Amino acid sequence: MNMTMYHADLIQFSDMARRGNILFCYVGYFSQHVVTAMAETVRARLESSGAAGPTRRKLFSSFVELSQNIIHYSAESLTPPSQLSDEIRRGSVCIGYHDDHYFLLSSNPVASSDVETIRSRIEPLRSMSLEQIKLAYKQALREETSNQSKGAGLGFLTIARDASAPLNFEFIVDPENPEITFFCIQTSI
């Protein structure tokens, strides 16, 4: 292993992230403990970035929701699929600043068979007004949690409510394993 090559790659990545106004980036395994530690860093980084209080709250809330989505639904797990708590699953999250807006990017592998279910939950949010999203959020709070959901179904609604533009998302089939698709989502705040 050529350590010099890896160090050069890390230095290049770090410089590219700095020039690209990336405030925070993590790729790896997510667990509740990891998210708690990252949340402290994200909160401090957002405070030092000069973001206004309401913007920081929205960014932090969306960061938590995207991280929870990875923990609960990523198809790549270090814990058995039957384990419904203390899950450890792979994904990525990035927070940056571009064109006078903050953005969050997230990606994680999902079962290809789940793509249409995920799409059907996000696509309607893209054409809803903020008022419609807020009403849907209140309705979801009153409804019972579905058997397939590990929350009250509020994650995408929370992210859409806090966004300054419609959510962007994409599904990319893993070329090496068509049973896995990468779910990528971006929000602007």
N, C-alpha and C. Protein backbone atom coordinates (compact mmCIF):
# COMPACT_ATOMS: atom_id res chain seq x y z
N MET A 1 0.85 -1.17 0.00
CA MET A 1 0.00 0.00 0.00
C MET A 1 0.90 1.24 0.00
N ASN A 2 0.59 2.13 -0.89
CA ASN A 2 1.35 3.36 -1.02
C ASN A 2 0.67 4.47 -0.21
N MET A 3 1.17 4.71 1.00
CA MET A 3 0.56 5.69 1.90
C MET A 3 0.64 7.11 1.34
N THR A 4 1.68 7.41 0.60
CA THR A 4 1.83 8.74 0.03
C THR A 4 0.67 9.04 -0.92
N MET A 5 0.28 8.04 -1.72
CA MET A 5 -0.81 8.21 -2.66
C MET A 5 -2.12 8.49 -1.89
N TYR A 6 -2.40 7.74 -0.82
CA TYR A 6 -3.62 7.95 -0.04
C TYR A 6 -3.61 9.32 0.63
N HIS A 7 -2.48 9.72 1.16
CA HIS A 7 -2.39 11.04 1.78
C HIS A 7 -2.63 12.14 0.76
N ALA A 8 -2.07 11.99 -0.43
CA ALA A 8 -2.27 12.98 -1.49
C ALA A 8 -3.75 13.05 -1.87
N ASP A 9 -4.41 11.88 -1.96
CA ASP A 9 -5.84 11.85 -2.28
C ASP A 9 -6.66 12.55 -1.18
N LEU A 10 -6.31 12.31 0.07
CA LEU A 10 -7.04 12.95 1.17
C LEU A 10 -6.83 14.46 1.18
N ILE A 11 -5.62 14.88 0.91
CA ILE A 11 -5.34 16.32 0.85
C ILE A 11 -6.12 16.95 -0.30
N GLN A 12 -6.14 16.28 -1.45
CA GLN A 12 -6.88 16.80 -2.61
C GLN A 12 -8.38 16.86 -2.29
N PHE A 13 -8.93 15.82 -1.66
CA PHE A 13 -10.35 15.81 -1.30
C PHE A 13 -10.65 16.94 -0.32
N SER A 14 -9.81 17.10 0.67
CA SER A 14 -10.01 18.15 1.68
C SER A 14 -9.99 19.53 1.04
N ASP A 15 -9.05 19.76 0.13
CA ASP A 15 -8.96 21.04 -0.56
C ASP A 15 -10.18 21.27 -1.44
N MET A 16 -10.63 20.23 -2.14
CA MET A 16 -11.80 20.34 -3.00
C MET A 16 -13.05 20.65 -2.16
N ALA A 17 -13.18 20.02 -1.00
CA ALA A 17 -14.32 20.27 -0.12
C ALA A 17 -14.30 21.71 0.40
N ARG A 18 -13.13 22.19 0.77
CA ARG A 18 -13.00 23.57 1.26
C ARG A 18 -13.38 24.56 0.17
N ARG A 19 -12.85 24.36 -1.02
CA ARG A 19 -13.15 25.26 -2.14
C ARG A 19 -14.61 25.17 -2.57
N GLY A 20 -15.22 24.02 -2.36
CA GLY A 20 -16.62 23.81 -2.73
C GLY A 20 -17.59 24.20 -1.64
N ASN A 21 -17.09 24.87 -0.59
CA ASN A 21 -17.92 25.31 0.53
C ASN A 21 -18.68 24.17 1.19
N ILE A 22 -18.00 23.04 1.37
CA ILE A 22 -18.58 21.90 2.08
C ILE A 22 -18.33 22.12 3.57
N LEU A 23 -19.40 22.22 4.34
CA LEU A 23 -19.29 22.46 5.77
C LEU A 23 -19.10 21.17 6.55
N PHE A 24 -19.70 20.09 6.05
CA PHE A 24 -19.63 18.81 6.74
C PHE A 24 -19.88 17.70 5.73
N CYS A 25 -19.13 16.62 5.85
CA CYS A 25 -19.31 15.48 4.97
C CYS A 25 -18.93 14.21 5.73
N TYR A 26 -19.77 13.20 5.62
CA TYR A 26 -19.49 11.91 6.25
C TYR A 26 -19.95 10.80 5.32
N VAL A 27 -19.09 9.83 5.12
CA VAL A 27 -19.40 8.63 4.35
C VAL A 27 -18.97 7.46 5.21
N GLY A 28 -19.90 6.57 5.47
CA GLY A 28 -19.55 5.41 6.29
C GLY A 28 -20.78 4.83 6.95
N TYR A 29 -20.54 4.23 8.10
CA TYR A 29 -21.63 3.57 8.83
C TYR A 29 -22.25 4.52 9.84
N PHE A 30 -23.57 4.54 9.86
CA PHE A 30 -24.35 5.38 10.75
C PHE A 30 -24.97 4.52 11.85
N SER A 31 -24.92 5.03 13.07
CA SER A 31 -25.62 4.44 14.20
C SER A 31 -26.13 5.62 15.03
N GLN A 32 -26.97 5.37 16.01
CA GLN A 32 -27.44 6.46 16.85
C GLN A 32 -26.27 7.17 17.52
N HIS A 33 -25.27 6.42 17.96
CA HIS A 33 -24.12 7.03 18.62
C HIS A 33 -23.31 7.89 17.65
N VAL A 34 -23.14 7.41 16.44
CA VAL A 34 -22.39 8.18 15.43
C VAL A 34 -23.16 9.45 15.08
N VAL A 35 -24.48 9.35 14.91
CA VAL A 35 -25.29 10.53 14.57
C VAL A 35 -25.25 11.54 15.70
N THR A 36 -25.30 11.08 16.94
CA THR A 36 -25.22 12.00 18.09
C THR A 36 -23.90 12.77 18.06
N ALA A 37 -22.81 12.06 17.81
CA ALA A 37 -21.50 12.73 17.75
C ALA A 37 -21.43 13.69 16.56
N MET A 38 -21.94 13.25 15.40
CA MET A 38 -21.93 14.13 14.24
C MET A 38 -22.80 15.36 14.48
N ALA A 39 -23.93 15.19 15.16
CA ALA A 39 -24.85 16.30 15.42
C ALA A 39 -24.16 17.41 16.19
N GLU A 40 -23.32 17.05 17.16
CA GLU A 40 -22.57 18.07 17.91
C GLU A 40 -21.66 18.86 16.97
N THR A 41 -20.98 18.15 16.08
CA THR A 41 -20.09 18.79 15.13
C THR A 41 -20.87 19.66 14.15
N VAL A 42 -21.96 19.12 13.63
CA VAL A 42 -22.78 19.88 12.68
C VAL A 42 -23.31 21.14 13.34
N ARG A 43 -23.81 21.02 14.55
CA ARG A 43 -24.34 22.20 15.25
C ARG A 43 -23.25 23.27 15.41
N ALA A 44 -22.06 22.87 15.84
CA ALA A 44 -20.96 23.83 16.01
C ALA A 44 -20.54 24.41 14.67
N ARG A 45 -20.49 23.58 13.64
CA ARG A 45 -20.07 24.06 12.31
C ARG A 45 -21.08 25.06 11.75
N LEU A 46 -22.37 24.79 11.95
CA LEU A 46 -23.40 25.71 11.46
C LEU A 46 -23.35 27.04 12.21
N GLU A 47 -23.11 26.98 13.51
CA GLU A 47 -23.00 28.21 14.30
C GLU A 47 -21.81 29.04 13.82
N SER A 48 -20.69 28.39 13.52
CA SER A 48 -19.51 29.13 13.08
C SER A 48 -19.61 29.60 11.64
N SER A 49 -20.55 29.04 10.88
CA SER A 49 -20.69 29.43 9.47
C SER A 49 -21.42 30.75 9.30
N GLY A 50 -22.06 31.22 10.37
CA GLY A 50 -22.78 32.49 10.28
C GLY A 50 -24.21 32.34 9.81
N ALA A 51 -24.72 31.10 9.71
CA ALA A 51 -26.10 30.89 9.29
C ALA A 51 -27.05 31.45 10.34
N ALA A 52 -28.15 32.04 9.89
CA ALA A 52 -29.16 32.58 10.81
C ALA A 52 -29.79 31.44 11.61
N GLY A 53 -30.30 31.78 12.78
CA GLY A 53 -30.90 30.79 13.68
C GLY A 53 -31.94 29.89 13.02
N PRO A 54 -32.95 30.45 12.32
CA PRO A 54 -33.95 29.59 11.68
C PRO A 54 -33.34 28.67 10.61
N THR A 55 -32.35 29.17 9.89
CA THR A 55 -31.68 28.36 8.87
C THR A 55 -30.91 27.22 9.53
N ARG A 56 -30.21 27.52 10.63
CA ARG A 56 -29.49 26.46 11.37
C ARG A 56 -30.45 25.38 11.85
N ARG A 57 -31.61 25.81 12.37
CA ARG A 57 -32.59 24.84 12.87
C ARG A 57 -33.07 23.93 11.74
N LYS A 58 -33.37 24.51 10.58
CA LYS A 58 -33.84 23.72 9.44
C LYS A 58 -32.75 22.77 8.94
N LEU A 59 -31.53 23.28 8.84
CA LEU A 59 -30.42 22.42 8.41
C LEU A 59 -30.20 21.27 9.38
N PHE A 60 -30.21 21.58 10.66
CA PHE A 60 -29.97 20.56 11.68
C PHE A 60 -31.10 19.53 11.65
N SER A 61 -32.33 19.99 11.57
CA SER A 61 -33.49 19.09 11.53
C SER A 61 -33.41 18.16 10.31
N SER A 62 -33.09 18.73 9.16
CA SER A 62 -32.98 17.92 7.94
C SER A 62 -31.81 16.95 8.02
N PHE A 63 -30.70 17.39 8.60
CA PHE A 63 -29.55 16.51 8.80
C PHE A 63 -29.97 15.29 9.64
N VAL A 64 -30.67 15.53 10.72
CA VAL A 64 -31.10 14.44 11.60
C VAL A 64 -32.05 13.49 10.86
N GLU A 65 -33.00 14.04 10.11
CA GLU A 65 -33.96 13.20 9.38
C GLU A 65 -33.25 12.35 8.32
N LEU A 66 -32.32 12.95 7.58
CA LEU A 66 -31.59 12.19 6.56
C LEU A 66 -30.74 11.09 7.21
N SER A 67 -30.14 11.40 8.34
CA SER A 67 -29.33 10.40 9.06
C SER A 67 -30.20 9.26 9.58
N GLN A 68 -31.38 9.60 10.11
CA GLN A 68 -32.30 8.57 10.60
C GLN A 68 -32.77 7.69 9.45
N ASN A 69 -33.00 8.30 8.30
CA ASN A 69 -33.40 7.53 7.12
C ASN A 69 -32.33 6.48 6.78
N ILE A 70 -31.08 6.87 6.85
CA ILE A 70 -29.99 5.92 6.58
C ILE A 70 -29.99 4.81 7.62
N ILE A 71 -30.07 5.18 8.89
CA ILE A 71 -30.04 4.18 9.97
C ILE A 71 -31.18 3.17 9.82
N HIS A 72 -32.34 3.64 9.45
CA HIS A 72 -33.50 2.75 9.41
C HIS A 72 -33.68 1.99 8.09
N TYR A 73 -33.20 2.55 6.97
CA TYR A 73 -33.58 1.98 5.69
C TYR A 73 -32.44 1.60 4.75
N SER A 74 -31.20 1.91 5.09
CA SER A 74 -30.10 1.53 4.21
C SER A 74 -30.06 0.01 4.07
N ALA A 75 -29.81 -0.44 2.85
CA ALA A 75 -29.76 -1.87 2.58
C ALA A 75 -28.43 -2.51 2.99
N GLU A 76 -27.44 -1.70 3.29
CA GLU A 76 -26.15 -2.27 3.72
C GLU A 76 -26.01 -2.06 5.22
N SER A 77 -25.98 -3.18 5.93
CA SER A 77 -26.03 -3.12 7.38
C SER A 77 -24.96 -3.99 8.02
N LEU A 78 -24.44 -3.52 9.14
CA LEU A 78 -23.54 -4.34 9.94
C LEU A 78 -24.33 -5.14 10.99
N THR A 79 -25.60 -4.80 11.13
CA THR A 79 -26.47 -5.51 12.08
C THR A 79 -27.45 -6.37 11.29
N PRO A 80 -27.97 -7.45 11.89
CA PRO A 80 -28.91 -8.32 11.17
C PRO A 80 -30.19 -7.57 10.79
N PRO A 81 -30.80 -7.91 9.66
CA PRO A 81 -32.03 -7.24 9.23
C PRO A 81 -33.16 -7.32 10.26
N SER A 82 -33.15 -8.35 11.06
CA SER A 82 -34.21 -8.52 12.06
C SER A 82 -34.03 -7.58 13.26
N GLN A 83 -32.85 -7.00 13.40
CA GLN A 83 -32.57 -6.10 14.52
C GLN A 83 -33.20 -4.74 14.24
N LEU A 84 -34.15 -4.34 15.07
CA LEU A 84 -34.90 -3.11 14.82
C LEU A 84 -34.46 -1.95 15.70
N SER A 85 -33.43 -2.13 16.50
CA SER A 85 -32.88 -1.03 17.29
C SER A 85 -31.36 -1.15 17.26
N ASP A 86 -30.70 -0.06 17.56
CA ASP A 86 -29.23 -0.01 17.54
C ASP A 86 -28.66 -0.47 16.20
N GLU A 87 -29.35 -0.09 15.13
CA GLU A 87 -28.92 -0.48 13.80
C GLU A 87 -27.65 0.28 13.40
N ILE A 88 -26.85 -0.36 12.56
CA ILE A 88 -25.64 0.27 12.03
C ILE A 88 -25.67 0.03 10.52
N ARG A 89 -25.89 1.12 9.77
CA ARG A 89 -26.06 0.99 8.32
C ARG A 89 -25.27 2.06 7.58
N ARG A 90 -24.93 1.76 6.33
CA ARG A 90 -24.05 2.61 5.53
C ARG A 90 -24.81 3.65 4.71
N GLY A 91 -24.17 4.82 4.61
CA GLY A 91 -24.71 5.89 3.79
C GLY A 91 -23.76 7.07 3.81
N SER A 92 -24.25 8.19 3.31
CA SER A 92 -23.44 9.41 3.32
C SER A 92 -24.35 10.62 3.46
N VAL A 93 -23.78 11.67 4.04
CA VAL A 93 -24.49 12.93 4.17
C VAL A 93 -23.47 14.06 4.02
N CYS A 94 -23.91 15.13 3.37
CA CYS A 94 -23.03 16.26 3.09
C CYS A 94 -23.83 17.55 3.26
N ILE A 95 -23.22 18.54 3.88
CA ILE A 95 -23.83 19.86 4.03
C ILE A 95 -22.88 20.87 3.40
N GLY A 96 -23.43 21.74 2.55
CA GLY A 96 -22.59 22.74 1.90
C GLY A 96 -23.35 24.02 1.64
N TYR A 97 -22.67 24.96 1.03
CA TYR A 97 -23.23 26.27 0.74
C TYR A 97 -22.90 26.63 -0.70
N HIS A 98 -23.94 27.01 -1.48
CA HIS A 98 -23.72 27.34 -2.89
C HIS A 98 -24.85 28.26 -3.35
N ASP A 99 -24.51 29.28 -4.11
CA ASP A 99 -25.50 30.22 -4.67
C ASP A 99 -26.46 30.75 -3.60
N ASP A 100 -25.91 31.22 -2.51
CA ASP A 100 -26.68 31.82 -1.42
C ASP A 100 -27.67 30.89 -0.73
N HIS A 101 -27.48 29.58 -0.88
CA HIS A 101 -28.32 28.59 -0.20
C HIS A 101 -27.46 27.50 0.39
N TYR A 102 -27.91 26.98 1.50
CA TYR A 102 -27.31 25.77 2.05
C TYR A 102 -27.96 24.59 1.37
N PHE A 103 -27.24 23.50 1.28
CA PHE A 103 -27.80 22.29 0.71
C PHE A 103 -27.36 21.09 1.54
N LEU A 104 -28.17 20.06 1.49
CA LEU A 104 -27.85 18.79 2.11
C LEU A 104 -27.99 17.73 1.04
N LEU A 105 -27.02 16.85 0.98
CA LEU A 105 -27.04 15.71 0.07
C LEU A 105 -26.95 14.45 0.92
N SER A 106 -27.68 13.45 0.52
CA SER A 106 -27.61 12.18 1.24
C SER A 106 -27.75 11.05 0.23
N SER A 107 -27.10 9.94 0.53
CA SER A 107 -27.18 8.77 -0.34
C SER A 107 -27.04 7.52 0.51
N ASN A 108 -27.82 6.50 0.15
CA ASN A 108 -27.66 5.20 0.79
C ASN A 108 -28.24 4.12 -0.12
N PRO A 109 -27.70 2.92 0.00
CA PRO A 109 -28.24 1.82 -0.81
C PRO A 109 -29.59 1.36 -0.25
N VAL A 110 -30.51 1.03 -1.16
CA VAL A 110 -31.81 0.46 -0.79
C VAL A 110 -32.06 -0.75 -1.67
N ALA A 111 -32.96 -1.60 -1.25
CA ALA A 111 -33.35 -2.73 -2.09
C ALA A 111 -34.05 -2.17 -3.33
N SER A 112 -33.68 -2.64 -4.49
CA SER A 112 -34.30 -2.15 -5.74
C SER A 112 -35.81 -2.35 -5.70
N SER A 113 -36.28 -3.36 -5.02
CA SER A 113 -37.71 -3.61 -4.91
C SER A 113 -38.44 -2.53 -4.11
N ASP A 114 -37.71 -1.71 -3.35
CA ASP A 114 -38.32 -0.64 -2.55
C ASP A 114 -38.36 0.72 -3.26
N VAL A 115 -37.78 0.81 -4.43
CA VAL A 115 -37.64 2.09 -5.12
C VAL A 115 -39.00 2.75 -5.37
N GLU A 116 -39.95 2.02 -5.88
CA GLU A 116 -41.25 2.63 -6.21
C GLU A 116 -41.98 3.10 -4.95
N THR A 117 -41.84 2.38 -3.85
CA THR A 117 -42.46 2.80 -2.59
C THR A 117 -41.85 4.13 -2.13
N ILE A 118 -40.52 4.23 -2.20
CA ILE A 118 -39.84 5.47 -1.80
C ILE A 118 -40.26 6.61 -2.74
N ARG A 119 -40.25 6.33 -4.04
CA ARG A 119 -40.62 7.35 -5.03
C ARG A 119 -42.05 7.85 -4.77
N SER A 120 -42.96 6.95 -4.43
CA SER A 120 -44.36 7.34 -4.22
C SER A 120 -44.53 8.20 -2.97
N ARG A 121 -43.58 8.14 -2.04
CA ARG A 121 -43.65 8.97 -0.84
C ARG A 121 -43.04 10.35 -1.07
N ILE A 122 -42.07 10.45 -1.98
CA ILE A 122 -41.38 11.73 -2.19
C ILE A 122 -41.96 12.53 -3.35
N GLU A 123 -42.29 11.87 -4.44
CA GLU A 123 -42.73 12.59 -5.64
C GLU A 123 -43.89 13.55 -5.37
N PRO A 124 -44.93 13.17 -4.63
CA PRO A 124 -46.02 14.12 -4.39
C PRO A 124 -45.57 15.39 -3.65
N LEU A 125 -44.55 15.28 -2.83
CA LEU A 125 -44.06 16.44 -2.08
C LEU A 125 -43.47 17.50 -3.00
N ARG A 126 -43.00 17.09 -4.15
CA ARG A 126 -42.35 18.02 -5.07
C ARG A 126 -43.33 19.05 -5.63
N SER A 127 -44.62 18.68 -5.72
CA SER A 127 -45.59 19.61 -6.31
C SER A 127 -46.52 20.24 -5.27
N MET A 128 -46.31 19.92 -4.00
CA MET A 128 -47.15 20.48 -2.95
C MET A 128 -46.65 21.85 -2.52
N SER A 129 -47.58 22.71 -2.14
CA SER A 129 -47.21 24.01 -1.58
C SER A 129 -46.74 23.81 -0.14
N LEU A 130 -46.10 24.81 0.41
CA LEU A 130 -45.66 24.74 1.80
C LEU A 130 -46.85 24.51 2.73
N GLU A 131 -47.96 25.17 2.45
CA GLU A 131 -49.16 25.00 3.28
C GLU A 131 -49.68 23.56 3.20
N GLN A 132 -49.67 22.97 2.01
CA GLN A 132 -50.10 21.58 1.86
C GLN A 132 -49.16 20.62 2.60
N ILE A 133 -47.88 20.91 2.55
CA ILE A 133 -46.90 20.08 3.26
C ILE A 133 -47.14 20.16 4.76
N LYS A 134 -47.40 21.38 5.27
CA LYS A 134 -47.66 21.55 6.70
C LYS A 134 -48.93 20.81 7.12
N LEU A 135 -49.97 20.84 6.29
CA LEU A 135 -51.20 20.10 6.59
C LEU A 135 -50.95 18.60 6.59
N ALA A 136 -50.20 18.12 5.60
CA ALA A 136 -49.87 16.69 5.54
C ALA A 136 -49.05 16.27 6.76
N TYR A 137 -48.16 17.15 7.21
CA TYR A 137 -47.35 16.89 8.40
C TYR A 137 -48.25 16.73 9.62
N LYS A 138 -49.19 17.66 9.80
CA LYS A 138 -50.12 17.59 10.94
C LYS A 138 -50.97 16.33 10.88
N GLN A 139 -51.41 15.96 9.68
CA GLN A 139 -52.21 14.74 9.53
C GLN A 139 -51.38 13.51 9.87
N ALA A 140 -50.13 13.48 9.42
CA ALA A 140 -49.26 12.34 9.72
C ALA A 140 -49.01 12.21 11.22
N LEU A 141 -48.95 13.33 11.92
CA LEU A 141 -48.78 13.28 13.38
C LEU A 141 -49.96 12.58 14.05
N ARG A 142 -51.16 12.76 13.48
CA ARG A 142 -52.36 12.18 14.07
C ARG A 142 -52.55 10.71 13.71
N GLU A 143 -51.97 10.27 12.59
CA GLU A 143 -52.17 8.90 12.12
C GLU A 143 -51.26 7.93 12.84
N GLU A 144 -51.67 6.68 12.85
CA GLU A 144 -50.85 5.63 13.43
C GLU A 144 -49.68 5.33 12.50
N THR A 145 -48.59 4.88 13.08
CA THR A 145 -47.41 4.50 12.32
C THR A 145 -47.70 3.20 11.58
N SER A 146 -47.33 3.15 10.30
CA SER A 146 -47.54 1.92 9.53
C SER A 146 -46.56 0.85 10.00
N ASN A 147 -46.89 -0.38 9.72
CA ASN A 147 -46.03 -1.50 10.12
C ASN A 147 -44.69 -1.46 9.41
N GLN A 148 -44.63 -0.86 8.22
CA GLN A 148 -43.38 -0.83 7.45
C GLN A 148 -42.52 0.36 7.81
N SER A 149 -43.09 1.36 8.45
CA SER A 149 -42.35 2.57 8.80
C SER A 149 -41.76 2.45 10.18
N LYS A 150 -40.57 2.99 10.35
CA LYS A 150 -39.91 2.95 11.66
C LYS A 150 -40.07 4.28 12.37
N GLY A 151 -40.92 5.12 11.83
CA GLY A 151 -41.24 6.40 12.44
C GLY A 151 -42.70 6.67 12.16
N ALA A 152 -43.10 7.89 12.23
CA ALA A 152 -44.48 8.25 11.94
C ALA A 152 -44.64 8.69 10.49
N GLY A 153 -43.62 8.43 9.63
CA GLY A 153 -43.68 8.86 8.25
C GLY A 153 -43.45 10.36 8.09
N LEU A 154 -42.81 10.94 9.08
CA LEU A 154 -42.63 12.39 9.08
C LEU A 154 -41.32 12.86 8.44
N GLY A 155 -40.38 11.97 8.21
CA GLY A 155 -39.06 12.36 7.76
C GLY A 155 -39.05 13.20 6.50
N PHE A 156 -39.61 12.67 5.40
CA PHE A 156 -39.61 13.42 4.14
C PHE A 156 -40.47 14.67 4.25
N LEU A 157 -41.56 14.60 5.02
CA LEU A 157 -42.40 15.79 5.23
C LEU A 157 -41.62 16.88 5.96
N THR A 158 -40.85 16.49 6.97
CA THR A 158 -40.04 17.45 7.71
C THR A 158 -39.02 18.11 6.79
N ILE A 159 -38.35 17.31 5.99
CA ILE A 159 -37.33 17.84 5.08
C ILE A 159 -37.98 18.77 4.05
N ALA A 160 -39.12 18.35 3.48
CA ALA A 160 -39.81 19.18 2.48
C ALA A 160 -40.33 20.46 3.11
N ARG A 161 -40.80 20.40 4.35
CA ARG A 161 -41.32 21.59 5.05
C ARG A 161 -40.22 22.62 5.24
N ASP A 162 -39.01 22.16 5.52
CA ASP A 162 -37.90 23.08 5.79
C ASP A 162 -37.16 23.53 4.53
N ALA A 163 -37.44 22.92 3.40
CA ALA A 163 -36.72 23.22 2.15
C ALA A 163 -37.18 24.53 1.53
N SER A 164 -36.26 25.17 0.81
CA SER A 164 -36.59 26.40 0.09
C SER A 164 -36.93 26.12 -1.37
N ALA A 165 -36.82 24.87 -1.78
CA ALA A 165 -37.13 24.45 -3.15
C ALA A 165 -37.59 22.99 -3.09
N PRO A 166 -38.24 22.51 -4.15
CA PRO A 166 -38.66 21.10 -4.14
C PRO A 166 -37.46 20.16 -3.94
N LEU A 167 -37.72 19.05 -3.27
CA LEU A 167 -36.68 18.05 -3.06
C LEU A 167 -36.26 17.47 -4.40
N ASN A 168 -34.97 17.25 -4.55
CA ASN A 168 -34.45 16.54 -5.72
C ASN A 168 -34.03 15.16 -5.27
N PHE A 169 -34.34 14.17 -6.08
CA PHE A 169 -33.92 12.82 -5.73
C PHE A 169 -33.66 12.02 -6.99
N GLU A 170 -32.91 10.97 -6.81
CA GLU A 170 -32.49 10.13 -7.93
C GLU A 170 -32.25 8.73 -7.41
N PHE A 171 -32.51 7.75 -8.27
CA PHE A 171 -32.22 6.36 -7.96
C PHE A 171 -31.22 5.85 -8.99
N ILE A 172 -30.12 5.29 -8.51
CA ILE A 172 -29.07 4.80 -9.40
C ILE A 172 -28.84 3.32 -9.09
N VAL A 173 -29.15 2.47 -10.05
CA VAL A 173 -29.00 1.03 -9.86
C VAL A 173 -27.52 0.69 -9.77
N ASP A 174 -27.17 -0.12 -8.78
CA ASP A 174 -25.79 -0.57 -8.60
C ASP A 174 -25.42 -1.43 -9.81
N PRO A 175 -24.43 -1.02 -10.61
CA PRO A 175 -24.08 -1.79 -11.81
C PRO A 175 -23.54 -3.18 -11.49
N GLU A 176 -23.05 -3.38 -10.28
CA GLU A 176 -22.52 -4.69 -9.89
C GLU A 176 -23.56 -5.58 -9.23
N ASN A 177 -24.68 -4.98 -8.80
CA ASN A 177 -25.73 -5.75 -8.13
C ASN A 177 -27.08 -5.09 -8.38
N PRO A 178 -27.82 -5.52 -9.40
CA PRO A 178 -29.08 -4.87 -9.75
C PRO A 178 -30.16 -4.97 -8.67
N GLU A 179 -29.95 -5.76 -7.65
CA GLU A 179 -30.92 -5.84 -6.55
C GLU A 179 -30.76 -4.67 -5.58
N ILE A 180 -29.69 -3.89 -5.77
CA ILE A 180 -29.43 -2.72 -4.93
C ILE A 180 -29.48 -1.46 -5.79
N THR A 181 -30.11 -0.43 -5.25
CA THR A 181 -30.20 0.87 -5.91
C THR A 181 -29.77 1.94 -4.90
N PHE A 182 -29.00 2.90 -5.36
CA PHE A 182 -28.60 3.99 -4.49
C PHE A 182 -29.66 5.08 -4.54
N PHE A 183 -30.20 5.41 -3.38
CA PHE A 183 -31.19 6.47 -3.23
C PHE A 183 -30.44 7.74 -2.85
N CYS A 184 -30.52 8.75 -3.72
CA CYS A 184 -29.84 10.01 -3.51
C CYS A 184 -30.88 11.11 -3.39
N ILE A 185 -30.75 11.95 -2.38
CA ILE A 185 -31.70 13.03 -2.17
C ILE A 185 -30.94 14.32 -1.86
N GLN A 186 -31.47 15.44 -2.36
CA GLN A 186 -30.87 16.74 -2.12
C GLN A 186 -31.96 17.71 -1.74
N THR A 187 -31.67 18.54 -0.75
CA THR A 187 -32.58 19.59 -0.36
C THR A 187 -31.80 20.90 -0.22
N SER A 188 -32.45 21.99 -0.53
CA SER A 188 -31.86 23.32 -0.39
C SER A 188 -32.59 24.06 0.72
N ILE A 189 -31.83 24.80 1.51
CA ILE A 189 -32.42 25.56 2.61
C ILE A 189 -31.89 26.99 2.56
